[in-house]
Protein backbone atom coordinates (compact mmCIF):
# COMPACT_ATOMS: atom_id res chain seq x y z
CA MET A 1 -25.20 6.80 -14.55
CA ILE A 2 -25.37 3.08 -14.18
CA PRO A 3 -25.44 1.60 -10.55
CA VAL A 4 -22.71 -0.83 -9.72
CA ARG A 5 -25.07 -3.43 -8.60
CA GLN A 6 -26.66 -3.43 -12.11
CA CYS A 7 -23.10 -3.97 -13.38
CA LEU A 8 -22.60 -7.17 -11.36
CA LYS A 9 -23.99 -9.83 -9.46
CA LEU A 10 -22.44 -10.19 -6.15
CA THR A 11 -20.44 -13.05 -6.06
CA PRO A 12 -19.10 -14.59 -2.73
CA LEU A 13 -15.71 -13.91 -1.92
CA CYS A 14 -14.57 -17.51 -0.96
CA SER A 15 -15.06 -18.18 -4.63
CA GLN A 16 -12.68 -15.67 -5.62
CA ILE A 17 -9.62 -17.08 -3.67
CA ARG A 18 -6.60 -18.56 -5.64
CA HIS A 19 -3.68 -20.32 -4.44
CA GLY A 20 -0.73 -18.58 -5.52
CA SER A 21 0.88 -21.52 -7.09
CA ARG A 22 -2.68 -22.24 -8.92
CA MET A 23 -2.73 -18.75 -10.20
CA PHE A 24 0.80 -18.96 -11.75
CA PRO A 25 0.94 -22.93 -12.27
CA GLN A 26 4.13 -22.29 -14.13
CA LEU A 27 5.95 -21.54 -10.62
CA LYS A 28 7.52 -24.63 -9.08
CA ARG A 29 8.37 -24.51 -5.43
CA GLY A 30 12.00 -23.97 -4.56
CA SER A 31 14.45 -26.44 -3.13
CA PHE A 32 13.87 -25.41 0.41
CA ASN A 33 13.31 -28.04 3.00
CA ARG A 34 9.97 -28.83 4.59
CA ILE A 35 9.42 -28.23 8.23
CA THR A 36 9.50 -30.90 10.97
CA ASP A 37 8.31 -31.48 14.33
CA GLU A 38 11.83 -30.92 15.57
CA ASP A 39 11.67 -27.48 13.95
CA VAL A 40 8.26 -26.42 15.43
CA ASN A 41 9.78 -27.73 19.06
CA LEU A 42 12.89 -25.79 18.56
CA PHE A 43 10.81 -22.63 17.44
CA ALA A 44 8.70 -23.07 20.69
CA GLY A 45 11.87 -22.98 22.42
CA ILE A 46 12.72 -19.68 21.19
CA VAL A 47 9.69 -17.97 21.22
CA GLY A 48 7.65 -19.61 23.46
CA GLN A 49 4.30 -21.77 22.92
CA ASN A 50 2.49 -18.48 22.37
CA GLY A 51 4.48 -17.42 19.70
CA ILE A 52 3.63 -20.65 17.64
CA LYS A 53 0.62 -21.23 15.56
CA THR A 54 -0.30 -24.59 13.69
CA GLU A 55 -4.10 -24.41 13.40
CA GLU A 56 -6.58 -21.62 12.09
CA LEU A 57 -3.99 -20.13 9.83
CA ASP A 58 -6.37 -18.58 6.94
CA HIS A 59 -5.93 -15.09 8.38
CA TYR A 60 -2.09 -15.64 7.10
CA ASN A 61 -2.39 -17.72 4.09
CA THR A 62 -4.88 -15.65 2.29
CA ASP A 63 -4.08 -11.88 1.18
CA TRP A 64 -7.03 -9.09 2.27
CA LEU A 65 -8.28 -9.15 -1.23
CA ASN A 66 -8.90 -12.80 -0.92
CA THR A 67 -7.25 -13.47 -4.40
CA VAL A 68 -4.00 -15.23 -3.21
CA SER A 69 -3.70 -18.06 -0.42
CA GLY A 70 -1.07 -20.10 0.33
CA PHE A 71 -0.82 -22.96 2.95
CA THR A 72 1.75 -22.46 5.58
CA GLU A 73 1.67 -24.90 8.45
CA LEU A 74 3.47 -22.85 10.61
CA VAL A 75 3.14 -19.42 12.08
CA VAL A 76 6.01 -17.90 14.38
CA SER A 77 5.71 -14.54 16.36
CA PRO A 78 8.74 -13.35 17.92
CA LYS A 79 8.54 -10.93 20.84
CA SER A 80 12.30 -9.44 20.27
CA VAL A 81 14.69 -8.91 17.85
CA GLU A 82 17.04 -11.68 19.61
CA GLU A 83 14.12 -13.97 18.87
CA VAL A 84 13.60 -12.99 15.27
CA ALA A 85 17.48 -13.68 14.87
CA ALA A 86 17.17 -17.21 16.56
CA VAL A 87 14.37 -18.00 14.20
CA LEU A 88 15.90 -16.80 11.09
CA ARG A 89 19.57 -18.34 11.76
CA HIS A 90 17.83 -21.33 12.19
CA CYS A 91 15.86 -21.35 9.11
CA ASN A 92 18.71 -20.32 7.15
CA GLY A 93 20.85 -23.19 8.41
CA ARG A 94 18.06 -25.49 7.50
CA ARG A 95 16.71 -23.99 4.09
CA LEU A 96 13.59 -23.33 5.45
CA ALA A 97 11.32 -20.56 3.40
CA VAL A 98 10.20 -17.53 5.56
CA VAL A 99 7.72 -15.05 4.50
CA PRO A 100 7.52 -12.06 6.89
CA GLN A 101 4.28 -10.68 7.46
CA GLY A 102 2.87 -7.42 8.91
CA GLY A 103 -0.68 -6.51 9.15
CA ASN A 104 -1.42 -8.48 5.95
CA THR A 105 -3.19 -5.46 4.17
CA GLY A 106 -1.10 -5.85 0.90
CA LEU A 107 -2.46 -6.14 -2.40
CA VAL A 108 -0.23 -7.86 -4.82
CA GLY A 109 0.42 -10.89 -2.67
CA GLY A 110 3.83 -9.87 -1.09
CA SER A 111 2.90 -11.01 2.54
CA ASN A 112 1.57 -14.25 2.14
CA PRO A 113 3.01 -17.56 1.57
CA VAL A 114 2.84 -19.06 -1.85
CA PHE A 115 3.61 -22.79 -1.03
CA ASP A 116 4.36 -23.99 2.61
CA GLU A 117 6.60 -21.26 3.37
CA ILE A 118 6.98 -20.46 7.21
CA VAL A 119 5.08 -16.96 8.45
CA LEU A 120 7.01 -15.05 10.42
CA SER A 121 4.50 -12.69 12.14
CA LEU A 122 5.48 -8.86 13.61
CA GLU A 123 2.24 -9.08 15.38
CA ARG A 124 4.28 -9.38 18.71
CA LEU A 125 6.60 -6.59 18.19
CA ASN A 126 4.16 -4.14 18.94
CA ASN A 127 6.20 -1.65 21.38
CA ILE A 128 6.48 2.12 20.94
CA SER A 129 9.90 2.34 22.85
CA HIS A 130 10.32 6.21 22.86
CA ILE A 131 8.76 9.55 21.78
CA ASP A 132 11.09 12.85 22.01
CA PRO A 133 8.43 15.50 22.42
CA TYR A 134 11.23 18.08 21.95
CA ALA A 135 12.90 16.98 18.72
CA GLY A 136 9.56 14.92 17.24
CA ILE A 137 10.96 11.75 16.99
CA VAL A 138 9.52 8.36 18.01
CA GLU A 139 11.06 4.79 18.13
CA CYS A 140 8.82 1.92 18.12
CA GLU A 141 8.63 -1.66 16.68
CA ALA A 142 7.80 -3.10 13.43
CA GLY A 143 4.46 -4.65 14.71
CA VAL A 144 2.78 -1.35 15.88
CA ILE A 145 -0.37 -0.73 14.22
CA LEU A 146 -0.27 2.61 12.32
CA GLN A 147 -3.14 3.83 13.91
CA ASN A 148 -1.84 2.91 17.36
CA LEU A 149 1.58 4.92 16.35
CA SER A 150 -0.80 8.00 15.06
CA ASP A 151 -3.11 7.97 18.40
CA LYS A 152 0.21 7.53 20.52
CA VAL A 153 2.33 10.55 18.83
CA GLY A 154 -0.96 12.60 18.63
CA GLU A 155 -0.79 12.78 22.50
CA HIS A 156 2.63 14.81 22.15
CA GLY A 157 1.22 17.13 19.60
CA TYR A 158 2.71 15.12 16.54
CA THR A 159 1.26 13.16 13.62
CA VAL A 160 2.72 10.35 11.29
CA PRO A 161 3.93 11.41 7.79
CA LEU A 162 2.00 8.56 6.43
CA ASP A 163 -1.65 7.81 6.26
CA LEU A 164 -3.45 5.52 4.15
CA GLY A 165 -6.89 3.67 4.38
CA ALA A 166 -5.51 0.46 6.01
CA ARG A 167 -4.22 2.68 9.02
CA GLY A 168 -6.31 0.44 11.55
CA SER A 169 -4.73 -2.83 10.67
CA CYS A 170 -1.36 -2.34 8.70
CA PHE A 171 1.69 -2.30 10.53
CA ILE A 172 4.62 0.26 10.28
CA GLY A 173 7.24 -2.37 9.47
CA GLY A 174 4.96 -3.38 6.58
CA ASN A 175 4.56 0.15 5.61
CA LEU A 176 8.25 0.54 5.48
CA ALA A 177 9.03 -3.13 3.82
CA THR A 178 6.70 -2.13 0.99
CA HIS A 179 7.57 1.59 1.05
CA ALA A 180 3.84 2.79 1.45
CA GLY A 181 2.52 6.04 -0.24
CA GLY A 182 -0.90 6.79 0.82
CA LEU A 183 -2.73 9.94 1.01
CA ARG A 184 -0.54 12.49 2.05
CA VAL A 185 2.80 12.23 0.32
CA VAL A 186 2.10 15.35 -1.76
CA ARG A 187 2.40 17.16 1.97
CA TYR A 188 5.30 14.93 3.70
CA GLY A 189 6.78 13.41 0.61
CA GLN A 190 7.93 9.58 0.33
CA LEU A 191 7.86 7.90 3.83
CA ARG A 192 11.84 6.92 3.25
CA GLY A 193 12.50 10.78 3.86
CA SER A 194 11.12 10.56 7.56
CA VAL A 195 13.20 7.47 8.39
CA LEU A 196 16.24 8.26 10.72
CA GLY A 197 17.21 4.97 12.03
CA MET A 198 16.47 1.01 11.69
CA ARG A 199 16.93 -2.04 13.04
CA VAL A 200 17.07 -4.93 10.92
CA VAL A 201 17.82 -8.59 11.06
CA LEU A 202 19.56 -10.51 8.16
CA PRO A 203 18.74 -14.19 6.92
CA ASP A 204 21.79 -15.43 8.76
CA GLY A 205 20.41 -14.07 12.01
CA GLN A 206 22.83 -11.29 12.17
CA ILE A 207 21.46 -8.09 13.56
CA LEU A 208 22.33 -4.74 11.76
CA ASP A 209 21.52 -1.93 14.24
CA GLY A 210 21.31 1.14 12.29
CA ARG A 211 19.42 2.95 15.15
CA SER A 212 19.78 6.69 15.48
CA ASN A 213 17.49 9.73 16.16
CA MET A 214 20.06 11.89 14.48
CA ARG A 215 18.83 14.09 11.18
CA LYS A 216 22.19 14.65 9.86
CA ASP A 217 24.43 11.61 9.67
CA ASN A 218 26.87 11.59 6.78
CA THR A 219 29.34 8.78 7.61
CA GLY A 220 28.87 6.47 4.68
CA TYR A 221 26.47 4.52 2.92
CA ASP A 222 22.80 4.68 4.15
CA ILE A 223 22.12 1.22 4.35
CA LYS A 224 18.74 1.48 5.72
CA GLN A 225 17.49 2.73 2.53
CA LEU A 226 18.15 -0.83 0.88
CA PHE A 227 15.64 -2.68 3.32
CA ILE A 228 12.75 0.34 2.78
CA GLY A 229 10.78 -1.14 -0.10
CA SER A 230 12.56 -4.55 -0.06
CA GLU A 231 9.21 -6.40 0.82
CA GLY A 232 11.14 -8.58 3.35
CA THR A 233 13.53 -10.24 0.53
CA LEU A 234 16.54 -8.93 2.01
CA GLY A 235 15.73 -9.24 5.85
CA VAL A 236 13.12 -8.55 8.29
CA ILE A 237 12.69 -4.59 9.88
CA THR A 238 12.40 -4.77 13.52
CA ASP A 239 12.53 -1.22 14.92
CA VAL A 240 12.58 1.97 13.47
CA SER A 241 12.97 6.04 14.25
CA LEU A 242 10.76 8.38 12.52
CA LEU A 243 10.77 11.90 12.43
CA LEU A 244 7.19 13.29 12.80
CA PRO A 245 5.57 16.59 11.57
CA GLN A 246 3.40 18.76 14.00
CA THR A 247 -0.38 17.78 14.11
CA PRO A 248 -2.11 20.37 12.21
CA VAL A 249 -4.49 22.68 14.13
CA SER A 250 -6.75 23.27 11.08
CA VAL A 251 -7.71 20.63 8.51
CA ASN A 252 -10.27 21.70 5.65
CA MET A 253 -11.45 20.06 2.72
CA ALA A 254 -13.66 20.68 -0.34
CA LEU A 255 -14.76 18.48 -2.90
CA PHE A 256 -15.70 19.23 -6.77
CA GLY A 257 -17.55 17.54 -9.41
CA CYS A 258 -16.00 17.97 -12.82
CA ASP A 259 -17.14 17.10 -16.40
CA SER A 260 -13.85 15.78 -17.35
CA PHE A 261 -10.63 14.60 -16.25
CA ASP A 262 -8.94 17.62 -18.08
CA ASP A 263 -11.02 19.78 -15.89
CA VAL A 264 -9.72 17.74 -12.68
CA ILE A 265 -6.15 18.47 -13.78
CA LYS A 266 -7.35 22.11 -14.11
CA CYS A 267 -8.44 21.77 -10.94
CA TYR A 268 -5.51 20.35 -9.28
CA ARG A 269 -3.58 22.95 -10.73
CA LEU A 270 -5.22 25.90 -9.23
CA SER A 271 -5.46 24.36 -5.96
CA ARG A 272 -1.77 24.25 -5.85
CA GLN A 273 -1.18 27.41 -6.80
CA CYS A 274 -3.58 28.70 -4.51
CA LEU A 275 -3.07 26.80 -1.72
CA GLY A 276 0.60 26.28 -1.73
CA GLU A 277 1.93 25.10 1.43
CA ILE A 278 -0.94 24.01 3.26
CA VAL A 279 -2.26 21.29 0.79
CA SER A 280 -2.09 17.84 2.19
CA ALA A 281 -4.19 15.75 -0.24
CA CYS A 282 -5.34 15.84 -3.76
CA GLU A 283 -7.53 12.79 -4.90
CA PHE A 284 -9.80 12.40 -7.95
CA MET A 285 -12.24 9.44 -8.52
CA ASP A 286 -14.39 9.02 -11.41
CA SER A 287 -18.37 8.33 -11.20
CA LEU A 288 -18.28 4.71 -11.11
CA CYS A 289 -16.01 4.93 -7.93
CA MET A 290 -18.73 7.26 -6.20
CA THR A 291 -21.41 4.98 -7.17
CA SER A 292 -19.80 1.86 -5.75
CA VAL A 293 -19.57 3.45 -2.27
CA ASN A 294 -22.68 4.89 -2.59
CA ASP A 295 -24.86 1.43 -3.90
CA ILE A 296 -22.59 -0.73 -2.04
CA LEU A 297 -21.82 0.71 1.15
CA GLY A 298 -24.37 3.54 1.31
CA LEU A 299 -22.03 6.52 1.80
CA ALA A 300 -23.97 9.48 0.40
CA SER A 301 -22.46 12.19 -1.82
CA PRO A 302 -22.47 15.55 -0.43
CA LEU A 303 -22.91 16.94 -4.02
CA GLU A 304 -26.67 16.81 -4.91
CA ASP A 305 -26.21 15.57 -8.58
CA SER A 306 -23.73 13.16 -10.25
CA HIS A 307 -20.65 14.06 -11.93
CA PRO A 308 -18.27 12.20 -14.56
CA PHE A 309 -15.51 12.87 -12.18
CA TYR A 310 -14.89 14.33 -8.58
CA TYR A 311 -11.84 16.04 -7.04
CA LEU A 312 -11.19 16.29 -3.36
CA VAL A 313 -8.68 18.56 -1.99
CA GLU A 314 -7.70 18.69 1.80
CA THR A 315 -5.71 21.61 3.76
CA SER A 316 -3.78 21.09 6.75
CA GLY A 317 -2.30 24.16 8.54
CA MET A 318 -1.81 26.04 11.84
CA ASN A 319 -4.03 29.16 11.72
CA MET A 320 -7.72 28.42 10.86
CA ASP A 321 -8.45 31.77 9.72
CA HIS A 322 -5.41 32.20 7.20
CA ASP A 323 -6.21 28.46 6.08
CA MET A 324 -9.97 28.94 5.49
CA GLU A 325 -9.48 32.36 3.46
CA LYS A 326 -6.78 30.66 1.30
CA LEU A 327 -9.43 27.86 0.82
CA GLU A 328 -12.25 30.18 0.10
CA THR A 329 -10.22 32.13 -2.56
CA CYS A 330 -9.06 28.70 -4.13
CA ILE A 331 -12.65 27.65 -4.52
CA GLU A 332 -13.76 30.79 -6.05
CA LYS A 333 -10.99 30.82 -8.70
CA VAL A 334 -12.19 27.21 -9.52
CA PHE A 335 -15.56 28.01 -10.30
CA GLU A 336 -14.33 31.25 -12.22
CA SER A 337 -12.25 29.00 -14.27
CA GLY A 338 -15.29 26.82 -15.08
CA CYS A 339 -13.31 23.65 -14.36
CA ALA A 340 -15.74 22.75 -11.92
CA THR A 341 -19.49 22.71 -12.06
CA ASP A 342 -20.34 21.74 -8.50
CA GLY A 343 -18.50 21.60 -5.05
CA VAL A 344 -18.80 21.82 -1.55
CA MET A 345 -16.73 22.78 1.56
CA ALA A 346 -16.83 20.99 4.58
CA ALA A 347 -18.56 22.71 7.38
CA SER A 348 -17.35 20.40 10.16
CA LYS A 349 -14.73 17.83 11.24
CA ASP A 350 -17.37 15.02 10.57
CA GLN A 351 -18.26 16.43 7.20
CA ALA A 352 -14.53 16.26 6.12
CA ARG A 353 -14.04 12.82 7.44
CA HIS A 354 -17.21 11.92 5.51
CA MET A 355 -15.76 13.52 2.39
CA MET A 356 -12.58 11.59 2.93
CA SER A 357 -14.03 8.38 3.67
CA LEU A 358 -15.87 8.39 -0.07
CA ARG A 359 -12.39 8.12 -1.56
CA GLU A 360 -10.99 5.69 1.11
CA ASN A 361 -13.66 3.26 0.64
CA ILE A 362 -13.51 2.62 -2.54
CA ALA A 363 -11.27 -0.33 -2.33
CA PRO A 364 -13.64 -2.05 0.08
CA ALA A 365 -16.60 -1.35 -1.86
CA LEU A 366 -15.42 -2.86 -5.14
CA LYS A 367 -13.61 -6.05 -3.03
CA ALA A 368 -17.66 -6.59 -2.20
CA VAL A 369 -18.63 -6.49 -5.69
CA GLY A 370 -16.55 -9.21 -7.48
CA PHE A 371 -12.83 -10.23 -8.60
CA ASN A 372 -10.58 -7.08 -8.42
CA TYR A 373 -7.59 -6.78 -10.65
CA LYS A 374 -5.70 -4.18 -9.36
CA TYR A 375 -3.23 -1.84 -10.62
CA ASP A 376 -1.14 1.08 -8.85
CA VAL A 377 0.80 2.67 -11.53
CA SER A 378 2.57 6.26 -11.66
CA LEU A 379 1.88 8.20 -15.03
CA PRO A 380 2.49 11.64 -16.05
CA ILE A 381 -0.49 13.67 -14.82
CA GLN A 382 -2.12 14.19 -18.38
CA HIS A 383 -2.01 10.25 -19.35
CA MET A 384 -3.35 9.22 -15.96
CA TYR A 385 -6.98 8.50 -16.99
CA SER A 386 -6.36 7.64 -20.83
CA LEU A 387 -4.96 4.25 -19.48
CA VAL A 388 -8.71 3.76 -17.71
CA GLU A 389 -10.35 4.64 -21.14
CA LYS A 390 -8.00 2.49 -23.21
CA ILE A 391 -8.64 -0.62 -20.47
CA ARG A 392 -12.33 -0.08 -20.74
CA ASN A 393 -12.18 -0.33 -24.31
CA LYS A 394 -10.02 -3.65 -24.36
CA MET A 395 -12.67 -4.91 -21.86
CA ARG A 396 -15.86 -3.92 -23.37
CA LYS A 397 -16.71 -7.42 -24.51
CA THR A 398 -16.12 -9.03 -21.39
CA GLU A 399 -19.69 -9.85 -19.83
CA GLY A 400 -20.21 -8.35 -16.54
CA ALA A 401 -16.82 -6.39 -16.18
CA PHE A 402 -16.10 -2.73 -15.59
CA SER A 403 -13.33 -0.67 -14.83
CA VAL A 404 -12.88 2.35 -12.57
CA GLY A 405 -9.85 4.93 -11.97
CA TYR A 406 -9.16 6.88 -8.92
CA GLY A 407 -5.70 8.10 -7.09
CA HIS A 408 -3.43 10.67 -5.81
CA LEU A 409 -2.92 13.59 -8.10
CA GLY A 410 -0.45 15.04 -6.03
CA ASP A 411 2.08 12.32 -6.69
CA ASN A 412 0.41 11.12 -10.10
CA ASN A 413 -0.58 8.02 -8.70
CA LEU A 414 -3.89 5.91 -10.34
CA HIS A 415 -5.31 3.36 -8.94
CA LEU A 416 -6.87 1.10 -11.99
CA ASN A 417 -9.15 -1.29 -10.75
CA ILE A 418 -10.86 -4.04 -13.31
CA ILE A 419 -13.88 -6.10 -11.73
CA THR A 420 -15.38 -9.14 -13.23
CA PRO A 421 -18.11 -11.34 -11.31
CA GLN A 422 -15.25 -14.16 -10.74
CA TYR A 423 -11.71 -14.78 -11.70
CA CYS A 424 -11.22 -14.98 -15.27
CA THR A 425 -7.92 -16.25 -17.02
CA GLN A 426 -9.16 -14.80 -20.54
CA ALA A 427 -9.90 -11.51 -18.84
CA LEU A 428 -6.34 -11.19 -17.31
CA SER A 429 -5.13 -12.21 -20.90
CA LEU A 430 -6.62 -8.90 -21.77
CA ILE A 431 -5.29 -6.86 -19.03
CA GLU A 432 -1.75 -8.28 -18.78
CA PRO A 433 0.62 -7.40 -20.12
CA PHE A 434 -1.08 -4.32 -22.04
CA VAL A 435 -1.37 -2.18 -18.68
CA TYR A 436 2.37 -2.65 -18.02
CA GLU A 437 3.40 -1.88 -21.78
CA GLU A 438 1.05 0.97 -21.64
CA VAL A 439 3.21 2.37 -18.44
CA SER A 440 6.30 1.35 -19.87
CA ARG A 441 5.48 3.45 -23.04
CA LEU A 442 4.54 6.40 -21.39
CA LYS A 443 7.80 6.18 -18.91
CA GLY A 444 5.83 5.56 -15.83
CA SER A 445 6.18 3.16 -12.97
CA ILE A 446 4.21 -0.17 -12.79
CA SER A 447 4.01 -0.22 -9.11
CA ALA A 448 3.68 3.41 -7.39
CA GLU A 449 2.83 2.40 -3.66
CA HIS A 450 1.96 -1.31 -3.19
CA GLY A 451 5.21 -3.12 -4.35
CA MET A 452 5.53 -5.97 -6.68
CA GLY A 453 4.80 -8.99 -4.56
CA LEU A 454 3.98 -12.17 -6.04
CA LYS A 455 1.71 -10.48 -8.90
CA LYS A 456 4.03 -8.12 -10.53
CA ALA A 457 7.31 -9.98 -10.13
CA ASN A 458 7.53 -10.92 -13.58
CA TYR A 459 6.77 -7.81 -15.15
CA LEU A 460 9.69 -5.89 -13.19
CA ARG A 461 11.30 -4.99 -16.81
CA TYR A 462 8.52 -2.94 -17.62
CA SER A 463 10.09 -0.51 -14.91
CA LYS A 464 13.73 -1.58 -14.35
CA ASP A 465 16.35 -1.78 -17.16
CA PRO A 466 18.10 -5.08 -17.32
CA SER A 467 21.40 -3.81 -15.48
CA MET A 468 19.03 -2.69 -12.74
CA ILE A 469 17.60 -6.06 -11.97
CA ALA A 470 20.73 -7.88 -12.40
CA MET A 471 22.05 -5.24 -9.43
CA MET A 472 18.96 -6.05 -7.56
CA ARG A 473 19.48 -9.92 -7.97
CA SER A 474 23.44 -9.37 -6.77
CA LEU A 475 22.16 -7.62 -3.61
CA LYS A 476 19.72 -10.06 -3.09
CA ASP A 477 22.32 -12.85 -3.46
CA VAL A 478 24.60 -10.94 -0.86
CA PHE A 479 21.94 -10.51 1.64
CA ASP A 480 20.31 -13.78 1.14
CA PRO A 481 22.47 -16.29 -0.55
CA ASN A 482 20.15 -19.32 0.27
CA GLY A 483 17.22 -17.46 -1.06
CA ILE A 484 14.85 -17.83 1.95
CA MET A 485 13.41 -14.54 2.45
CA ASN A 486 10.25 -14.21 0.92
CA PRO A 487 10.64 -16.43 -2.42
CA TYR A 488 8.90 -15.91 -5.61
CA LYS A 489 8.18 -11.83 -4.75
CA LEU A 490 9.43 -8.62 -5.91
CA LEU A 491 12.30 -10.32 -8.54
CA PRO A 492 11.12 -11.99 -11.40
CA TRP A 493 10.96 -15.91 -11.19
CA ASN A 494 10.01 -16.87 -14.77
CA ASP A 495 13.75 -16.45 -16.28
């Protein structure tokens, strides 16, 4: 196994930043007006001086990966739905482009300005309005940080049906706008299935109040679903009601070392058969992923030897003895089958957290090494790792490049990462559109959970039929006829 530090020399992250308009030189600024001092003063009158920022805006302009950056000169942060409505009403009337922004943890350039769009930050919409301890429902604003929401509902014996590595900084509104997936889709399903109600502000300032705490509401079109996954292109989500599962009493974890991806799939199949309803996460990573977190972040593997692949399974239930017995039986069957050559079960909560941290810290480790080309795709499980192998073959002559694969086996979600010492157009030309062509050929999806953003917008045709794209454009025109909401994102801009 080659240590990651021998694959690449560390590159200063500041040199990786690419302005969105420079990354896509053919992309031209839309026919939007530019902000004036009069606009800034009007916004200050709506949200207060504390809700206006015109300096030190790097955090709002640049994405988490340090790969895409715009040059907004104004961030507006409302504190209420009425303030959001007033801001958007003015922007629509003046044809000022707007980028809604949550915690800015996205990976496809969806929450950053491309040119000089106004950033509408939801950071001050952070109230948890109500928790119903009997029905297991929480009502909150869109700017609540996922970890804070999880902690608060945890006080009442519930958990949020979403968990991901960015939990400490992402906002629940952004999770909904991008329809984030995360680690536990295999247990709780997609996030949209837990949304009971929602309030949204349209580009013209109209407030759509679809708040509800009813699990059953069969009274017509489910309008809220249009905004989940719309990436801020149709309106701004300001409030949400979520149905919550009970917090598990028993959480256990096991990590296996495997010789091939076929063995990983066999481990996954056995764990689903043995563990049934208590499975809550099924993750895999290859050897370079493990080496990355070992070498870059100093996180040690609990397995003595290195392996080509690793499979991580988590169980969550309400009876420790029952769950432990099931997991032990599963481990026995895995070893009897020969699909794992090594393995360990967490003996404490700390050990379980450490095991999961190995998986969750792959992205931060890779970010520290060089420029990351990230691809978040859905594929039939038997083809998930073949895409990694094909891209490695294509990149074999690119100096300093290496590729890794990891992801969520429980929902067929592969995270393919290619890393080069710095941004390289020649490397990108080898990767795109090849990755999207392969995913389309295998009838997968080019975005499993990260959304389309700026980076993937022009490749939508690889996952959507032309008739579907035309319908999406029609919906965009209905909700946002002036096109001010998050322009250049999600829908193709090159046709």
